Amino acid sequence: MLYRSKSHRAWLTAAVVALPLGLTLPAAADSDFNYNYLSGSYVFADELELDGLANQLDVDGVQFEASALLIDRVYVRLSGLSLDVDSNAPDLFDANLNTLSLGVGYALPLLTGPQSLDVTGEVSYERFDLFDDANGWGLTVGARWRPIDRLEVNGHAGWRDYGSLRGDDLDGWVYGIGALYSVTDQFAVTADWRRHDLELNLSPNADLEVNTFSVGVRWSFR
């Protein structure tokens, strides 16, 4: 039953990601958002829960993201996260948590003009490293909205299946919301919140849950 439930959730996510690809707009409807950029952020977490160890782990680190438009509406994106996990209690552990994502996405403009709105769908290769390496895939649906000039609000939700970590399956949901303010046409400041709800299929199951916050900068180019 656990396998069927996960399978249904993964297929549901795939259907949601594929939905934007099945919609059509007039050919003249080009996106008002730039998909060519480099960004970097400082990341900190208010809480990380692993095997019942809550509020005992300090978490901070960095993340980066690079995106480039391949052809009209199709882009490639590379992102990485590196966190230092330090225990406050003796006899626990210190570790590094690293993730890497390489994906290809499609951006569908739903609104253009002063209040632009894009919906995106993405398929990705995913890598997860905590004590050991795991490699898998991801499906993500997202949105970018510009409510007022120079301000962007964005969000995403996706399923991650990292495959096997030390012989056990690791998968779950990753989602978040963020904002970007363009100081100039090329330079912007960013802030976001992300949630990782991952399940390691041990017996009993072990959950890895973490809320991360980040502040950073983005450089856009054409």
C-alpha atoms as a PDB file:
ATOM      1  CA  MET A   1       0.000   0.000   0.000  1.00  0.00           C
ATOM      2  CA  LEU A   2       2.873   2.369   0.723  1.00  0.00           C
ATOM      3  CA  TYR A   3       4.309   1.750  -2.743  1.00  0.00           C
ATOM      4  CA  ARG A   4       0.967   2.353  -4.457  1.00  0.00           C
ATOM      5  CA  SER A   5       0.403   5.580  -2.527  1.00  0.00           C
ATOM      6  CA  LYS A   6       3.801   6.925  -3.523  1.00  0.00           C
ATOM      7  CA  SER A   7       3.314   5.866  -7.097  1.00  0.00           C
ATOM      8  CA  HIS A   8      -0.014   7.674  -7.280  1.00  0.00           C
ATOM      9  CA  ARG A   9       1.481  10.830  -5.801  1.00  0.00           C
ATOM     10  CA  ALA A  10       4.343  10.784  -8.279  1.00  0.00           C
ATOM     11  CA  TRP A  11       1.993  10.283 -11.245  1.00  0.00           C
ATOM     12  CA  LEU A  12      -0.267  13.060  -9.973  1.00  0.00           C
ATOM     13  CA  THR A  13       2.737  15.396  -9.844  1.00  0.00           C
ATOM     14  CA  ALA A  14       3.716  14.369 -13.361  1.00  0.00           C
ATOM     15  CA  ALA A  15       0.221  15.205 -14.577  1.00  0.00           C
ATOM     16  CA  VAL A  16       0.346  18.626 -12.933  1.00  0.00           C
ATOM     17  CA  VAL A  17       3.743  19.328 -14.504  1.00  0.00           C
ATOM     18  CA  ALA A  18       2.513  18.232 -17.916  1.00  0.00           C
ATOM     19  CA  LEU A  19      -0.609  20.403 -17.767  1.00  0.00           C
ATOM     20  CA  PRO A  20       1.116  23.641 -18.874  1.00  0.00           C
ATOM     21  CA  LEU A  21       2.603  21.780 -21.831  1.00  0.00           C
ATOM     22  CA  GLY A  22      -0.837  20.856 -23.078  1.00  0.00           C
ATOM     23  CA  LEU A  23      -2.182  24.405 -23.052  1.00  0.00           C
ATOM     24  CA  THR A  24      -1.830  26.671 -26.081  1.00  0.00           C
ATOM     25  CA  LEU A  25      -1.484  30.415 -26.432  1.00  0.00           C
ATOM     26  CA  PRO A  26      -1.121  32.614 -29.499  1.00  0.00           C
ATOM     27  CA  ALA A  27       2.395  32.480 -30.914  1.00  0.00           C
ATOM     28  CA  ALA A  28       2.884  36.184 -30.229  1.00  0.00           C
ATOM     29  CA  ALA A  29       2.520  35.713 -26.453  1.00  0.00           C
ATOM     30  CA  ASP A  30       6.157  35.880 -25.298  1.00  0.00           C
ATOM     31  CA  SER A  31       7.194  35.766 -21.661  1.00  0.00           C
ATOM     32  CA  ASP A  32       7.973  39.035 -19.897  1.00  0.00           C
ATOM     33  CA  PHE A  33      10.283  37.213 -17.468  1.00  0.00           C
ATOM     34  CA  ASN A  34      13.999  36.670 -17.971  1.00  0.00           C
ATOM     35  CA  TYR A  35      15.189  33.041 -17.798  1.00  0.00           C
ATOM     36  CA  ASN A  36      18.886  33.924 -18.187  1.00  0.00           C
ATOM     37  CA  TYR A  37      20.405  34.569 -14.782  1.00  0.00           C
ATOM     38  CA  LEU A  38      22.928  33.670 -12.074  1.00  0.00           C
ATOM     39  CA  SER A  39      22.076  33.851  -8.368  1.00  0.00           C
ATOM     40  CA  GLY A  40      23.618  33.123  -5.000  1.00  0.00           C
ATOM     41  CA  SER A  41      22.135  33.093  -1.498  1.00  0.00           C
ATOM     42  CA  TYR A  42      22.956  32.627   2.153  1.00  0.00           C
ATOM     43  CA  VAL A  43      20.720  29.931   3.667  1.00  0.00           C
ATOM     44  CA  PHE A  44      19.728  29.313   7.267  1.00  0.00           C
ATOM     45  CA  ALA A  45      17.203  26.941   8.843  1.00  0.00           C
ATOM     46  CA  ASP A  46      15.017  27.436  11.879  1.00  0.00           C
ATOM     47  CA  GLU A  47      14.680  23.708  12.495  1.00  0.00           C
ATOM     48  CA  LEU A  48      15.851  20.398  11.113  1.00  0.00           C
ATOM     49  CA  GLU A  49      14.226  17.153  12.192  1.00  0.00           C
ATOM     50  CA  LEU A  50      16.026  13.880  11.559  1.00  0.00           C
ATOM     51  CA  ASP A  51      15.096  10.622  13.301  1.00  0.00           C
ATOM     52  CA  GLY A  52      13.269  12.556  16.007  1.00  0.00           C
ATOM     53  CA  LEU A  53      16.154  14.962  16.699  1.00  0.00           C
ATOM     54  CA  ALA A  54      14.326  18.293  16.667  1.00  0.00           C
ATOM     55  CA  ASN A  55      15.690  21.704  17.666  1.00  0.00           C
ATOM     56  CA  GLN A  56      19.122  20.221  18.360  1.00  0.00           C
ATOM     57  CA  LEU A  57      20.694  20.919  14.979  1.00  0.00           C
ATOM     58  CA  ASP A  58      22.055  24.249  13.729  1.00  0.00           C
ATOM     59  CA  VAL A  59      21.811  24.546   9.967  1.00  0.00           C
ATOM     60  CA  ASP A  60      23.230  27.159   7.614  1.00  0.00           C
ATOM     61  CA  GLY A  61      24.983  27.311   4.264  1.00  0.00           C
ATOM     62  CA  VAL A  62      24.772  28.592   0.710  1.00  0.00           C
ATOM     63  CA  GLN A  63      22.844  27.912  -2.462  1.00  0.00           C
ATOM     64  CA  PHE A  64      23.319  28.874  -6.100  1.00  0.00           C
ATOM     65  CA  GLU A  65      21.198  28.797  -9.226  1.00  0.00           C
ATOM     66  CA  ALA A  66      21.899  29.329 -12.909  1.00  0.00           C
ATOM     67  CA  SER A  67      19.354  29.383 -15.709  1.00  0.00           C
ATOM     68  CA  ALA A  68      19.645  29.835 -19.470  1.00  0.00           C
ATOM     69  CA  LEU A  69      17.035  29.977 -22.218  1.00  0.00           C
ATOM     70  CA  LEU A  70      17.686  27.310 -24.849  1.00  0.00           C
ATOM     71  CA  ILE A  71      14.918  28.159 -27.311  1.00  0.00           C
ATOM     72  CA  ASP A  72      11.688  30.097 -27.017  1.00  0.00           C
ATOM     73  CA  ARG A  73      10.028  29.106 -23.688  1.00  0.00           C
ATOM     74  CA  VAL A  74      12.442  26.203 -23.027  1.00  0.00           C
ATOM     75  CA  TYR A  75      15.199  26.682 -20.453  1.00  0.00           C
ATOM     76  CA  VAL A  76      17.828  24.675 -18.604  1.00  0.00           C
ATOM     77  CA  ARG A  77      18.424  25.226 -14.882  1.00  0.00           C
ATOM     78  CA  LEU A  78      21.206  24.160 -12.518  1.00  0.00           C
ATOM     79  CA  SER A  79      20.911  24.646  -8.764  1.00  0.00           C
ATOM     80  CA  GLY A  80      22.790  23.484  -5.706  1.00  0.00           C
ATOM     81  CA  LEU A  81      22.411  23.650  -1.932  1.00  0.00           C
ATOM     82  CA  SER A  82      25.151  23.077   0.642  1.00  0.00           C
ATOM     83  CA  LEU A  83      24.269  23.097   4.342  1.00  0.00           C
ATOM     84  CA  ASP A  84      26.413  22.623   7.438  1.00  0.00           C
ATOM     85  CA  VAL A  85      24.499  20.613  10.042  1.00  0.00           C
ATOM     86  CA  ASP A  86      25.959  21.082  13.536  1.00  0.00           C
ATOM     87  CA  SER A  87      24.593  19.476  16.690  1.00  0.00           C
ATOM     88  CA  ASN A  88      24.204  21.469  19.904  1.00  0.00           C
ATOM     89  CA  ALA A  89      24.175  18.377  22.094  1.00  0.00           C
ATOM     90  CA  PRO A  90      27.194  16.165  22.808  1.00  0.00           C
ATOM     91  CA  ASP A  91      27.446  12.690  21.338  1.00  0.00           C
ATOM     92  CA  LEU A  92      25.442  13.700  18.279  1.00  0.00           C
ATOM     93  CA  PHE A  93      26.887  14.450  14.853  1.00  0.00           C
ATOM     94  CA  ASP A  94      28.102  17.168  12.543  1.00  0.00           C
ATOM     95  CA  ALA A  95      27.499  16.669   8.839  1.00  0.00           C
ATOM     96  CA  ASN A  96      27.126  18.301   5.457  1.00  0.00           C
ATOM     97  CA  LEU A  97      23.879  18.119   3.502  1.00  0.00           C
ATOM     98  CA  ASN A  98      24.266  18.795  -0.233  1.00  0.00           C
ATOM     99  CA  THR A  99      21.771  18.695  -3.079  1.00  0.00           C
ATOM    100  CA  LEU A 100      22.198  19.226  -6.814  1.00  0.00           C
ATOM    101  CA  SER A 101      19.485  19.645  -9.440  1.00  0.00           C
ATOM    102  CA  LEU A 102      19.828  19.824 -13.238  1.00  0.00           C
ATOM    103  CA  GLY A 103      16.558  20.308 -15.078  1.00  0.00           C
ATOM    104  CA  VAL A 104      14.909  21.268 -18.331  1.00  0.00           C
ATOM    105  CA  GLY A 105      11.770  23.356 -18.109  1.00  0.00           C
ATOM    106  CA  TYR A 106       9.028  24.943 -20.156  1.00  0.00           C
ATOM    107  CA  ALA A 107       7.614  28.411 -19.380  1.00  0.00           C
ATOM    108  CA  LEU A 108       4.030  29.160 -20.397  1.00  0.00           C
ATOM    109  CA  PRO A 109       2.999  32.854 -20.270  1.00  0.00           C
ATOM    110  CA  LEU A 110      -0.574  33.173 -19.008  1.00  0.00           C
ATOM    111  CA  LEU A 111      -0.531  36.965 -18.591  1.00  0.00           C
ATOM    112  CA  THR A 112       1.705  39.566 -20.199  1.00  0.00           C
ATOM    113  CA  GLY A 113       2.054  43.270 -19.585  1.00  0.00           C
ATOM    114  CA  PRO A 114       2.183  45.138 -16.230  1.00  0.00           C
ATOM    115  CA  GLN A 115       1.007  42.118 -14.197  1.00  0.00           C
ATOM    116  CA  SER A 116       2.774  39.216 -15.903  1.00  0.00           C
ATOM    117  CA  LEU A 117       2.245  35.575 -14.954  1.00  0.00           C
ATOM    118  CA  ASP A 118       4.195  32.519 -16.139  1.00  0.00           C
ATOM    119  CA  VAL A 119       3.517  28.885 -15.242  1.00  0.00           C
ATOM    120  CA  THR A 120       6.472  26.496 -15.499  1.00  0.00           C
ATOM    121  CA  GLY A 121       6.934  22.743 -15.636  1.00  0.00           C
ATOM    122  CA  GLU A 122      10.297  21.038 -15.139  1.00  0.00           C
ATOM    123  CA  VAL A 123      11.859  17.571 -15.247  1.00  0.00           C
ATOM    124  CA  SER A 124      15.200  17.182 -13.487  1.00  0.00           C
ATOM    125  CA  TYR A 125      18.067  14.958 -12.428  1.00  0.00           C
ATOM    126  CA  GLU A 126      18.485  15.114  -8.648  1.00  0.00           C
ATOM    127  CA  ARG A 127      21.403  14.302  -6.341  1.00  0.00           C
ATOM    128  CA  PHE A 128      21.287  14.143  -2.533  1.00  0.00           C
ATOM    129  CA  ASP A 129      24.272  13.765  -0.231  1.00  0.00           C
ATOM    130  CA  LEU A 130      23.984  13.176   3.528  1.00  0.00           C
ATOM    131  CA  PHE A 131      26.400  10.537   4.873  1.00  0.00           C
ATOM    132  CA  ASP A 132      26.071   8.888   1.456  1.00  0.00           C
ATOM    133  CA  ASP A 133      25.102   9.763  -2.136  1.00  0.00           C
ATOM    134  CA  ALA A 134      21.709   9.186  -3.736  1.00  0.00           C
ATOM    135  CA  ASN A 135      20.721   9.951  -7.331  1.00  0.00           C
ATOM    136  CA  GLY A 136      17.247  10.199  -8.824  1.00  0.00           C
ATOM    137  CA  TRP A 137      14.764  12.447 -10.568  1.00  0.00           C
ATOM    138  CA  GLY A 138      12.337  15.268  -9.892  1.00  0.00           C
ATOM    139  CA  LEU A 139       9.159  16.831 -11.251  1.00  0.00           C
ATOM    140  CA  THR A 140       8.322  20.447 -10.426  1.00  0.00           C
ATOM    141  CA  VAL A 141       5.557  22.901 -11.245  1.00  0.00           C
ATOM    142  CA  GLY A 142       6.006  26.599 -10.523  1.00  0.00           C
ATOM    143  CA  ALA A 143       4.753  30.112 -11.146  1.00  0.00           C
ATOM    144  CA  ARG A 144       6.261  33.583 -11.520  1.00  0.00           C
ATOM    145  CA  TRP A 145       4.020  36.612 -10.980  1.00  0.00           C
ATOM    146  CA  ARG A 146       4.780  40.338 -11.177  1.00  0.00           C
ATOM    147  CA  PRO A 147       2.106  42.162  -9.105  1.00  0.00           C
ATOM    148  CA  ILE A 148       3.802  45.567  -9.435  1.00  0.00           C
ATOM    149  CA  ASP A 149       6.730  46.963 -11.371  1.00  0.00           C
ATOM    150  CA  ARG A 150      10.119  45.454 -10.326  1.00  0.00           C
ATOM    151  CA  LEU A 151       8.600  43.037  -7.792  1.00  0.00           C
ATOM    152  CA  GLU A 152       8.288  39.315  -8.573  1.00  0.00           C
ATOM    153  CA  VAL A 153       6.562  36.718  -6.397  1.00  0.00           C
ATOM    154  CA  ASN A 154       7.274  33.080  -7.234  1.00  0.00           C
ATOM    155  CA  GLY A 155       6.465  29.631  -5.916  1.00  0.00           C
ATOM    156  CA  HIS A 156       7.091  25.981  -6.702  1.00  0.00           C
ATOM    157  CA  ALA A 157       6.125  22.478  -5.597  1.00  0.00           C
ATOM    158  CA  GLY A 158       7.640  19.210  -6.694  1.00  0.00           C
ATOM    159  CA  TRP A 159       8.233  15.539  -6.047  1.00  0.00           C
ATOM    160  CA  ARG A 160      11.758  14.189  -5.524  1.00  0.00           C
ATOM    161  CA  ASP A 161      12.738  10.547  -5.815  1.00  0.00           C
ATOM    162  CA  TYR A 162      16.415  10.305  -4.903  1.00  0.00           C
ATOM    163  CA  GLY A 163      16.577   6.544  -5.302  1.00  0.00           C
ATOM    164  CA  SER A 164      18.555   4.580  -2.738  1.00  0.00           C
ATOM    165  CA  LEU A 165      20.432   6.104   0.215  1.00  0.00           C
ATOM    166  CA  ARG A 166      22.447   3.424   2.025  1.00  0.00           C
ATOM    167  CA  GLY A 167      20.102   0.781   0.674  1.00  0.00           C
ATOM    168  CA  ASP A 168      16.834   2.537   1.538  1.00  0.00           C
ATOM    169  CA  ASP A 169      14.510   4.627  -0.641  1.00  0.00           C
ATOM    170  CA  LEU A 170      14.558   8.405  -0.137  1.00  0.00           C
ATOM    171  CA  ASP A 171      11.746  10.492  -1.612  1.00  0.00           C
ATOM    172  CA  GLY A 172       9.244  13.217  -0.787  1.00  0.00           C
ATOM    173  CA  TRP A 173       8.041  16.738  -1.487  1.00  0.00           C
ATOM    174  CA  VAL A 174       9.957  19.990  -1.882  1.00  0.00           C
ATOM    175  CA  TYR A 175       8.056  23.271  -2.098  1.00  0.00           C
ATOM    176  CA  GLY A 176       8.426  26.960  -1.340  1.00  0.00           C
ATOM    177  CA  ILE A 177       7.669  30.589  -2.064  1.00  0.00           C
ATOM    178  CA  GLY A 178       9.929  33.559  -2.700  1.00  0.00           C
ATOM    179  CA  ALA A 179      10.212  37.173  -3.804  1.00  0.00           C
ATOM    180  CA  LEU A 180      12.593  39.134  -6.006  1.00  0.00           C
ATOM    181  CA  TYR A 181      13.021  42.904  -6.246  1.00  0.00           C
ATOM    182  CA  SER A 182      14.837  44.317  -9.282  1.00  0.00           C
ATOM    183  CA  VAL A 183      17.091  47.194  -8.236  1.00  0.00           C
ATOM    184  CA  THR A 184      18.168  47.592 -11.875  1.00  0.00           C
ATOM    185  CA  ASP A 185      17.336  45.687 -15.047  1.00  0.00           C
ATOM    186  CA  GLN A 186      20.263  43.323 -14.342  1.00  0.00           C
ATOM    187  CA  PHE A 187      20.616  43.292 -10.541  1.00  0.00           C
ATOM    188  CA  ALA A 188      18.017  42.055  -8.030  1.00  0.00           C
ATOM    189  CA  VAL A 189      17.789  41.033  -4.373  1.00  0.00           C
ATOM    190  CA  THR A 190      16.000  37.816  -3.435  1.00  0.00           C
ATOM    191  CA  ALA A 191      14.425  36.111  -0.421  1.00  0.00           C
ATOM    192  CA  ASP A 192      12.653  32.772  -0.152  1.00  0.00           C
ATOM    193  CA  TRP A 193      11.374  30.008   2.092  1.00  0.00           C
ATOM    194  CA  ARG A 194      11.588  26.311   1.204  1.00  0.00           C
ATOM    195  CA  ARG A 195      10.334  23.156   2.849  1.00  0.00           C
ATOM    196  CA  HIS A 196      11.817  19.677   2.388  1.00  0.00           C
ATOM    197  CA  ASP A 197       9.550  16.808   3.500  1.00  0.00           C
ATOM    198  CA  LEU A 198      11.538  13.667   2.738  1.00  0.00           C
ATOM    199  CA  GLU A 199      10.966  10.110   3.886  1.00  0.00           C
ATOM    200  CA  LEU A 200      13.660   7.485   4.288  1.00  0.00           C
ATOM    201  CA  ASN A 201      11.963   4.084   4.087  1.00  0.00           C
ATOM    202  CA  LEU A 202      13.564   2.408   7.052  1.00  0.00           C
ATOM    203  CA  SER A 203      11.650   0.344   9.572  1.00  0.00           C
ATOM    204  CA  PRO A 204      10.238   2.360  11.207  1.00  0.00           C
ATOM    205  CA  ASN A 205      10.271   5.139   8.586  1.00  0.00           C
ATOM    206  CA  ALA A 206      12.584   8.070   9.269  1.00  0.00           C
ATOM    207  CA  ASP A 207      11.601  11.561   8.194  1.00  0.00           C
ATOM    208  CA  LEU A 208      13.955  14.377   7.241  1.00  0.00           C
ATOM    209  CA  GLU A 209      12.127  17.694   7.517  1.00  0.00           C
ATOM    210  CA  VAL A 210      13.704  21.116   7.219  1.00  0.00           C
ATOM    211  CA  ASN A 211      12.541  24.686   6.671  1.00  0.00           C
ATOM    212  CA  THR A 212      15.160  26.891   5.027  1.00  0.00           C
ATOM    213  CA  PHE A 213      15.193  30.644   4.534  1.00  0.00           C
ATOM    214  CA  SER A 214      17.545  32.456   2.197  1.00  0.00           C
ATOM    215  CA  VAL A 215      18.550  35.973   1.174  1.00  0.00           C
ATOM    216  CA  GLY A 216      20.659  36.633  -1.886  1.00  0.00           C
ATOM    217  CA  VAL A 217      21.262  38.425  -5.144  1.00  0.00           C
ATOM    218  CA  ARG A 218      20.561  37.665  -8.823  1.00  0.00           C
ATOM    219  CA  TRP A 219      22.312  38.885 -11.966  1.00  0.00           C
ATOM    220  CA  SER A 220      20.244  38.673 -15.154  1.00  0.00           C
ATOM    221  CA  PHE A 221      21.553  38.789 -18.682  1.00  0.00           C
ATOM    222  CA  ARG A 222      20.220  38.471 -22.236  1.00  0.00           C
END
